[in-house]
Amino acid sequence: MSYQFITSAKLPTRHGEFDIHIFENDEGQEHVMLTVGLPVVDQTDIAGSIPSTHSLSNQQDNALSERPIPLIRIHSECLTGDAFSSLKCDCGPQLNTAMQAIQETGCGAILYLRQEGRGIGLTNKIRAYALQDQGHDTLDANLMLGLPADARIYDMCGPMLAYVGVDAVRLITNNPSKVAYLNEHGIDVVERVPLVVGVNDMNAEYLATKRDRMGHLLDTDFNTALHLNK
């Protein structure tokens, strides 16, 4: 699957101003990257792997070597959490906290991936919610629908990060699968930055399932500090 840069613009938000970049794959699926302090390196060809320093101009190479390791959040679309402030998950608070942290750091990106409901789509996600209303956890609800526990992919991340010359990151995540994927595909995760926000009585069991059954790195009492300014 290849990914093509489509367009970009300035995006003022309540957290500060981002550059918003739109990418599209062969099937017409769109993905979004919000950046701060990450100038574009290559606007013509992002289908391949991250460009080596040999493919960059001396000026670009010097700029990349002098900037700090960017703070990166890979965030899969969650309409209910991101737009409707659902309390069933922690997605909305995670997105907003990451946006604020990247603004404060001055160098980073949000990779907003259009794979709703851990990749099963909005309709199936709401079907899974109905099963959760009956007492099933988030993992079993997917399986009862004949769907994978997590259908997300991350093959778009490399080309998107290559577009701004990123081959090493401080990754905001509790999910070790994201760390492993980036490391296996040539992006050095120099630090995993925990992100535990938005915990409430409505999503505590959901988070416990992600910790106990899906391998997410969360403390037993969900009191892990958010370390974003090391």
C-alpha atoms as a PDB file:
ATOM      1  CA  MET A   1       0.000   0.000   0.000  1.00  0.00           C
ATOM      2  CA  SER A   2       1.422   3.388  -0.952  1.00  0.00           C
ATOM      3  CA  TYR A   3       0.518   6.777   0.499  1.00  0.00           C
ATOM      4  CA  GLN A   4       0.400  10.097  -1.287  1.00  0.00           C
ATOM      5  CA  PHE A   5       0.585  13.580   0.175  1.00  0.00           C
ATOM      6  CA  ILE A   6      -2.479  15.573  -0.936  1.00  0.00           C
ATOM      7  CA  THR A   7      -2.477  19.039   0.644  1.00  0.00           C
ATOM      8  CA  SER A   8      -1.647  21.058   3.760  1.00  0.00           C
ATOM      9  CA  ALA A   9      -2.678  24.254   5.528  1.00  0.00           C
ATOM     10  CA  LYS A  10      -2.447  26.104   8.843  1.00  0.00           C
ATOM     11  CA  LEU A  11      -4.819  24.912  11.571  1.00  0.00           C
ATOM     12  CA  PRO A  12      -5.369  27.178  14.586  1.00  0.00           C
ATOM     13  CA  THR A  13      -6.703  25.270  17.607  1.00  0.00           C
ATOM     14  CA  ARG A  14      -7.357  26.052  21.261  1.00  0.00           C
ATOM     15  CA  HIS A  15      -3.991  24.401  21.978  1.00  0.00           C
ATOM     16  CA  GLY A  16      -2.116  26.500  19.429  1.00  0.00           C
ATOM     17  CA  GLU A  17      -1.430  26.509  15.709  1.00  0.00           C
ATOM     18  CA  PHE A  18      -0.573  23.313  13.834  1.00  0.00           C
ATOM     19  CA  ASP A  19       0.247  22.560  10.240  1.00  0.00           C
ATOM     20  CA  ILE A  20      -2.312  20.034   8.993  1.00  0.00           C
ATOM     21  CA  HIS A  21      -1.234  17.603   6.260  1.00  0.00           C
ATOM     22  CA  ILE A  22      -3.577  15.225   4.414  1.00  0.00           C
ATOM     23  CA  PHE A  23      -2.419  11.895   2.998  1.00  0.00           C
ATOM     24  CA  GLU A  24      -4.321   9.330   0.957  1.00  0.00           C
ATOM     25  CA  ASN A  25      -3.685   5.659   0.220  1.00  0.00           C
ATOM     26  CA  ASP A  26      -4.378   3.663  -2.952  1.00  0.00           C
ATOM     27  CA  GLU A  27      -7.951   3.007  -1.824  1.00  0.00           C
ATOM     28  CA  GLY A  28      -8.754   6.676  -1.229  1.00  0.00           C
ATOM     29  CA  GLN A  29      -8.616   6.441   2.572  1.00  0.00           C
ATOM     30  CA  GLU A  30      -7.455   9.702   4.138  1.00  0.00           C
ATOM     31  CA  HIS A  31      -5.111  10.121   7.090  1.00  0.00           C
ATOM     32  CA  VAL A  32      -4.101  13.330   8.869  1.00  0.00           C
ATOM     33  CA  MET A  33      -0.882  14.607  10.411  1.00  0.00           C
ATOM     34  CA  LEU A  34      -0.750  17.683  12.641  1.00  0.00           C
ATOM     35  CA  THR A  35       2.749  19.058  13.080  1.00  0.00           C
ATOM     36  CA  VAL A  36       4.614  21.703  15.070  1.00  0.00           C
ATOM     37  CA  GLY A  37       8.249  22.557  14.377  1.00  0.00           C
ATOM     38  CA  LEU A  38       8.636  19.898  11.670  1.00  0.00           C
ATOM     39  CA  PRO A  39       9.308  21.432   8.249  1.00  0.00           C
ATOM     40  CA  VAL A  40       8.591  19.303   5.205  1.00  0.00           C
ATOM     41  CA  VAL A  41      11.582  17.382   3.853  1.00  0.00           C
ATOM     42  CA  ASP A  42      10.205  15.742   0.702  1.00  0.00           C
ATOM     43  CA  GLN A  43       6.980  16.792  -0.992  1.00  0.00           C
ATOM     44  CA  THR A  44       7.171  14.522  -4.025  1.00  0.00           C
ATOM     45  CA  ASP A  45       7.724  10.912  -2.982  1.00  0.00           C
ATOM     46  CA  ILE A  46       6.643   9.432   0.338  1.00  0.00           C
ATOM     47  CA  ALA A  47       5.649   5.969  -0.886  1.00  0.00           C
ATOM     48  CA  GLY A  48       8.954   4.421   0.133  1.00  0.00           C
ATOM     49  CA  SER A  49      10.828   4.130   3.397  1.00  0.00           C
ATOM     50  CA  ILE A  50      12.216   6.986   5.439  1.00  0.00           C
ATOM     51  CA  PRO A  51      14.792   8.879   3.345  1.00  0.00           C
ATOM     52  CA  SER A  52      18.402   8.443   4.333  1.00  0.00           C
ATOM     53  CA  THR A  53      20.527  11.459   5.126  1.00  0.00           C
ATOM     54  CA  HIS A  54      22.268  10.897   1.766  1.00  0.00           C
ATOM     55  CA  SER A  55      19.037  11.890  -0.017  1.00  0.00           C
ATOM     56  CA  LEU A  56      18.759  15.200   1.843  1.00  0.00           C
ATOM     57  CA  SER A  57      20.464  18.476   1.082  1.00  0.00           C
ATOM     58  CA  ASN A  58      23.215  19.595   3.434  1.00  0.00           C
ATOM     59  CA  GLN A  59      20.940  22.365   4.721  1.00  0.00           C
ATOM     60  CA  GLN A  60      18.116  19.894   5.433  1.00  0.00           C
ATOM     61  CA  ASP A  61      20.535  17.430   7.015  1.00  0.00           C
ATOM     62  CA  ASN A  62      21.909  20.094   9.362  1.00  0.00           C
ATOM     63  CA  ALA A  63      18.408  21.242  10.327  1.00  0.00           C
ATOM     64  CA  LEU A  64      17.345  17.686  11.146  1.00  0.00           C
ATOM     65  CA  SER A  65      20.445  17.011  13.231  1.00  0.00           C
ATOM     66  CA  GLU A  66      19.956  20.176  15.279  1.00  0.00           C
ATOM     67  CA  ARG A  67      16.276  19.819  16.170  1.00  0.00           C
ATOM     68  CA  PRO A  68      15.154  17.869  19.263  1.00  0.00           C
ATOM     69  CA  ILE A  69      13.696  14.371  19.021  1.00  0.00           C
ATOM     70  CA  PRO A  70      10.046  15.094  18.206  1.00  0.00           C
ATOM     71  CA  LEU A  71       7.164  14.130  20.464  1.00  0.00           C
ATOM     72  CA  ILE A  72       4.785  11.919  18.449  1.00  0.00           C
ATOM     73  CA  ARG A  73       1.277  10.619  19.109  1.00  0.00           C
ATOM     74  CA  ILE A  74      -0.244   7.931  16.866  1.00  0.00           C
ATOM     75  CA  HIS A  75      -3.978   8.335  17.430  1.00  0.00           C
ATOM     76  CA  SER A  76      -6.664   6.256  15.739  1.00  0.00           C
ATOM     77  CA  GLU A  77      -9.938   7.994  15.005  1.00  0.00           C
ATOM     78  CA  CYS A  78     -12.595   7.800  17.723  1.00  0.00           C
ATOM     79  CA  LEU A  79     -15.700   9.782  16.786  1.00  0.00           C
ATOM     80  CA  THR A  80     -17.453   9.068  20.081  1.00  0.00           C
ATOM     81  CA  GLY A  81     -14.497  10.089  22.226  1.00  0.00           C
ATOM     82  CA  ASP A  82     -12.787  12.743  20.108  1.00  0.00           C
ATOM     83  CA  ALA A  83     -15.918  14.587  18.931  1.00  0.00           C
ATOM     84  CA  PHE A  84     -18.714  13.610  21.337  1.00  0.00           C
ATOM     85  CA  SER A  85     -16.675  13.476  24.594  1.00  0.00           C
ATOM     86  CA  SER A  86     -17.767   9.921  25.392  1.00  0.00           C
ATOM     87  CA  LEU A  87     -16.863   8.691  28.859  1.00  0.00           C
ATOM     88  CA  LYS A  88     -16.680   5.058  27.692  1.00  0.00           C
ATOM     89  CA  CYS A  89     -13.060   5.533  26.610  1.00  0.00           C
ATOM     90  CA  ASP A  90     -10.094   7.843  27.214  1.00  0.00           C
ATOM     91  CA  CYS A  91      -9.534   8.810  23.562  1.00  0.00           C
ATOM     92  CA  GLY A  92     -10.697  12.436  23.683  1.00  0.00           C
ATOM     93  CA  PRO A  93      -8.597  13.385  26.719  1.00  0.00           C
ATOM     94  CA  GLN A  94      -5.614  11.535  25.233  1.00  0.00           C
ATOM     95  CA  LEU A  95      -5.865  13.465  21.966  1.00  0.00           C
ATOM     96  CA  ASN A  96      -6.205  16.857  23.637  1.00  0.00           C
ATOM     97  CA  THR A  97      -3.447  16.187  26.155  1.00  0.00           C
ATOM     98  CA  ALA A  98      -1.098  15.093  23.378  1.00  0.00           C
ATOM     99  CA  MET A  99      -1.911  18.168  21.279  1.00  0.00           C
ATOM    100  CA  GLN A 100      -1.196  20.443  24.240  1.00  0.00           C
ATOM    101  CA  ALA A 101       2.037  18.622  25.097  1.00  0.00           C
ATOM    102  CA  ILE A 102       3.314  18.877  21.517  1.00  0.00           C
ATOM    103  CA  GLN A 103       2.562  22.594  21.450  1.00  0.00           C
ATOM    104  CA  GLU A 104       4.440  23.070  24.715  1.00  0.00           C
ATOM    105  CA  THR A 105       7.394  21.026  23.448  1.00  0.00           C
ATOM    106  CA  GLY A 106       7.462  22.905  20.154  1.00  0.00           C
ATOM    107  CA  CYS A 107       8.455  19.918  18.036  1.00  0.00           C
ATOM    108  CA  GLY A 108       6.172  17.003  17.295  1.00  0.00           C
ATOM    109  CA  ALA A 109       3.186  15.549  15.490  1.00  0.00           C
ATOM    110  CA  ILE A 110      -0.174  13.885  15.854  1.00  0.00           C
ATOM    111  CA  LEU A 111      -0.710  11.096  13.331  1.00  0.00           C
ATOM    112  CA  TYR A 112      -4.502  10.885  13.180  1.00  0.00           C
ATOM    113  CA  LEU A 113      -5.336   7.573  11.522  1.00  0.00           C
ATOM    114  CA  ARG A 114      -8.782   6.977  10.062  1.00  0.00           C
ATOM    115  CA  GLN A 115      -9.395   3.535  11.558  1.00  0.00           C
ATOM    116  CA  GLU A 116     -12.402   3.949  13.814  1.00  0.00           C
ATOM    117  CA  GLY A 117     -13.076   1.482  16.613  1.00  0.00           C
ATOM    118  CA  ARG A 118      -9.631  -0.169  16.584  1.00  0.00           C
ATOM    119  CA  GLY A 119     -10.133  -0.730  12.877  1.00  0.00           C
ATOM    120  CA  ILE A 120     -13.608  -2.321  12.848  1.00  0.00           C
ATOM    121  CA  GLY A 121     -15.510   0.809  11.762  1.00  0.00           C
ATOM    122  CA  LEU A 122     -18.118   2.968  13.451  1.00  0.00           C
ATOM    123  CA  THR A 123     -21.143   0.696  12.913  1.00  0.00           C
ATOM    124  CA  ASN A 124     -19.406  -2.362  14.325  1.00  0.00           C
ATOM    125  CA  LYS A 125     -18.026  -0.272  17.172  1.00  0.00           C
ATOM    126  CA  ILE A 126     -21.546   0.706  18.214  1.00  0.00           C
ATOM    127  CA  ARG A 127     -22.624  -2.929  17.904  1.00  0.00           C
ATOM    128  CA  ALA A 128     -19.759  -3.770  20.250  1.00  0.00           C
ATOM    129  CA  TYR A 129     -20.901  -1.006  22.598  1.00  0.00           C
ATOM    130  CA  ALA A 130     -24.331  -2.659  22.753  1.00  0.00           C
ATOM    131  CA  LEU A 131     -22.675  -5.895  23.879  1.00  0.00           C
ATOM    132  CA  GLN A 132     -20.630  -3.969  26.429  1.00  0.00           C
ATOM    133  CA  ASP A 133     -23.901  -2.546  27.756  1.00  0.00           C
ATOM    134  CA  GLN A 134     -24.869  -6.176  28.469  1.00  0.00           C
ATOM    135  CA  GLY A 135     -21.718  -6.701  30.560  1.00  0.00           C
ATOM    136  CA  HIS A 136     -19.143  -7.950  28.047  1.00  0.00           C
ATOM    137  CA  ASP A 137     -15.736  -6.301  27.962  1.00  0.00           C
ATOM    138  CA  THR A 138     -14.285  -4.442  24.965  1.00  0.00           C
ATOM    139  CA  LEU A 139     -12.257  -7.413  23.746  1.00  0.00           C
ATOM    140  CA  ASP A 140     -14.985 -10.067  24.076  1.00  0.00           C
ATOM    141  CA  ALA A 141     -17.534  -7.767  22.420  1.00  0.00           C
ATOM    142  CA  ASN A 142     -15.411  -7.642  19.268  1.00  0.00           C
ATOM    143  CA  LEU A 143     -14.850 -11.387  19.280  1.00  0.00           C
ATOM    144  CA  MET A 144     -18.566 -12.084  19.748  1.00  0.00           C
ATOM    145  CA  LEU A 145     -19.175 -10.116  16.548  1.00  0.00           C
ATOM    146  CA  GLY A 146     -16.642 -12.254  14.706  1.00  0.00           C
ATOM    147  CA  LEU A 147     -14.190  -9.346  14.571  1.00  0.00           C
ATOM    148  CA  PRO A 148     -10.548  -9.071  15.670  1.00  0.00           C
ATOM    149  CA  ALA A 149      -9.781  -7.561  19.058  1.00  0.00           C
ATOM    150  CA  ASP A 150      -7.626  -4.969  17.297  1.00  0.00           C
ATOM    151  CA  ALA A 151      -7.661  -4.575  13.504  1.00  0.00           C
ATOM    152  CA  ARG A 152      -5.519  -1.454  13.318  1.00  0.00           C
ATOM    153  CA  ILE A 153      -2.512  -1.182  11.029  1.00  0.00           C
ATOM    154  CA  TYR A 154       0.339   1.299  11.159  1.00  0.00           C
ATOM    155  CA  ASP A 155       1.945   1.012   7.727  1.00  0.00           C
ATOM    156  CA  MET A 156       1.016   4.627   6.961  1.00  0.00           C
ATOM    157  CA  CYS A 157       3.133   5.959   9.839  1.00  0.00           C
ATOM    158  CA  GLY A 158       6.520   5.520   8.150  1.00  0.00           C
ATOM    159  CA  PRO A 159       5.644   7.474   4.994  1.00  0.00           C
ATOM    160  CA  MET A 160       3.897  10.197   6.991  1.00  0.00           C
ATOM    161  CA  LEU A 161       6.877  10.663   9.304  1.00  0.00           C
ATOM    162  CA  ALA A 162       9.258  10.517   6.331  1.00  0.00           C
ATOM    163  CA  TYR A 163       7.469  13.517   4.875  1.00  0.00           C
ATOM    164  CA  VAL A 164       8.857  15.632   7.734  1.00  0.00           C
ATOM    165  CA  GLY A 165      12.167  13.791   7.970  1.00  0.00           C
ATOM    166  CA  VAL A 166      11.502  11.949  11.225  1.00  0.00           C
ATOM    167  CA  ASP A 167      13.361   8.698  11.917  1.00  0.00           C
ATOM    168  CA  ALA A 168      13.520   8.898  15.730  1.00  0.00           C
ATOM    169  CA  VAL A 169      10.671   9.737  18.102  1.00  0.00           C
ATOM    170  CA  ARG A 170       9.530  10.173  21.651  1.00  0.00           C
ATOM    171  CA  LEU A 171       6.292   8.219  21.377  1.00  0.00           C
ATOM    172  CA  ILE A 172       3.257   9.124  23.494  1.00  0.00           C
ATOM    173  CA  THR A 173       1.588   5.762  24.061  1.00  0.00           C
ATOM    174  CA  ASN A 174       0.625   3.043  26.514  1.00  0.00           C
ATOM    175  CA  ASN A 175       0.531   0.452  23.718  1.00  0.00           C
ATOM    176  CA  PRO A 176       3.737  -1.587  23.282  1.00  0.00           C
ATOM    177  CA  SER A 177       2.553  -2.756  19.845  1.00  0.00           C
ATOM    178  CA  LYS A 178       3.042   0.760  18.491  1.00  0.00           C
ATOM    179  CA  VAL A 179       6.563   0.908  19.918  1.00  0.00           C
ATOM    180  CA  ALA A 180       7.410  -2.476  18.422  1.00  0.00           C
ATOM    181  CA  TYR A 181       5.977  -1.608  15.011  1.00  0.00           C
ATOM    182  CA  LEU A 182       7.947   1.618  14.675  1.00  0.00           C
ATOM    183  CA  ASN A 183      11.186   0.020  15.858  1.00  0.00           C
ATOM    184  CA  GLU A 184      10.733  -2.873  13.433  1.00  0.00           C
ATOM    185  CA  HIS A 185      10.205  -0.458  10.536  1.00  0.00           C
ATOM    186  CA  GLY A 186      13.240   1.742  10.958  1.00  0.00           C
ATOM    187  CA  ILE A 187      11.897   4.422  13.301  1.00  0.00           C
ATOM    188  CA  ASP A 188      13.834   4.589  16.549  1.00  0.00           C
ATOM    189  CA  VAL A 189      11.591   5.000  19.599  1.00  0.00           C
ATOM    190  CA  VAL A 190      14.059   6.646  21.960  1.00  0.00           C
ATOM    191  CA  GLU A 191      11.455   7.086  24.700  1.00  0.00           C
ATOM    192  CA  ARG A 192       7.952   5.846  25.439  1.00  0.00           C
ATOM    193  CA  VAL A 193       5.970   8.629  27.091  1.00  0.00           C
ATOM    194  CA  PRO A 194       3.036   7.298  29.189  1.00  0.00           C
ATOM    195  CA  LEU A 195      -0.367   8.896  28.709  1.00  0.00           C
ATOM    196  CA  VAL A 196      -2.931   8.202  31.416  1.00  0.00           C
ATOM    197  CA  VAL A 197      -5.706  10.789  31.381  1.00  0.00           C
ATOM    198  CA  GLY A 198      -9.483  10.836  31.281  1.00  0.00           C
ATOM    199  CA  VAL A 199      -9.959   7.941  33.699  1.00  0.00           C
ATOM    200  CA  ASN A 200     -13.464   7.795  35.180  1.00  0.00           C
ATOM    201  CA  ASP A 201     -15.972   5.337  36.622  1.00  0.00           C
ATOM    202  CA  MET A 202     -17.437   4.706  33.161  1.00  0.00           C
ATOM    203  CA  ASN A 203     -14.185   3.585  31.527  1.00  0.00           C
ATOM    204  CA  ALA A 204     -12.217   1.995  34.376  1.00  0.00           C
ATOM    205  CA  GLU A 205     -13.172  -1.543  33.328  1.00  0.00           C
ATOM    206  CA  TYR A 206     -12.359  -0.743  29.697  1.00  0.00           C
ATOM    207  CA  LEU A 207      -8.873   0.404  30.703  1.00  0.00           C
ATOM    208  CA  ALA A 208      -8.420  -2.627  32.947  1.00  0.00           C
ATOM    209  CA  THR A 209      -9.232  -4.891  29.979  1.00  0.00           C
ATOM    210  CA  LYS A 210      -6.675  -3.088  27.828  1.00  0.00           C
ATOM    211  CA  ARG A 211      -4.098  -3.570  30.587  1.00  0.00           C
ATOM    212  CA  ASP A 212      -4.914  -7.150  31.590  1.00  0.00           C
ATOM    213  CA  ARG A 213      -5.925  -8.692  28.262  1.00  0.00           C
ATOM    214  CA  MET A 214      -4.388  -6.499  25.574  1.00  0.00           C
ATOM    215  CA  GLY A 215      -0.978  -5.766  27.074  1.00  0.00           C
ATOM    216  CA  HIS A 216      -1.258  -2.003  27.496  1.00  0.00           C
ATOM    217  CA  LEU A 217       1.216  -0.545  29.962  1.00  0.00           C
ATOM    218  CA  LEU A 218      -0.976   0.848  32.726  1.00  0.00           C
ATOM    219  CA  ASP A 219      -0.416   0.815  36.463  1.00  0.00           C
ATOM    220  CA  THR A 220      -2.817  -1.252  38.531  1.00  0.00           C
ATOM    221  CA  ASP A 221      -4.411   1.895  39.976  1.00  0.00           C
ATOM    222  CA  PHE A 222      -4.090   3.965  36.768  1.00  0.00           C
ATOM    223  CA  ASN A 223      -2.028   6.531  38.619  1.00  0.00           C
ATOM    224  CA  THR A 224       0.931   6.528  36.213  1.00  0.00           C
ATOM    225  CA  ALA A 225       2.298  10.047  35.919  1.00  0.00           C
ATOM    226  CA  LEU A 226       2.203  11.799  32.577  1.00  0.00           C
ATOM    227  CA  HIS A 227       5.847  12.597  31.870  1.00  0.00           C
ATOM    228  CA  LEU A 228       5.917  14.955  28.927  1.00  0.00           C
ATOM    229  CA  ASN A 229       8.690  17.388  29.763  1.00  0.00           C
ATOM    230  CA  LYS A 230      11.765  15.250  30.315  1.00  0.00           C
END
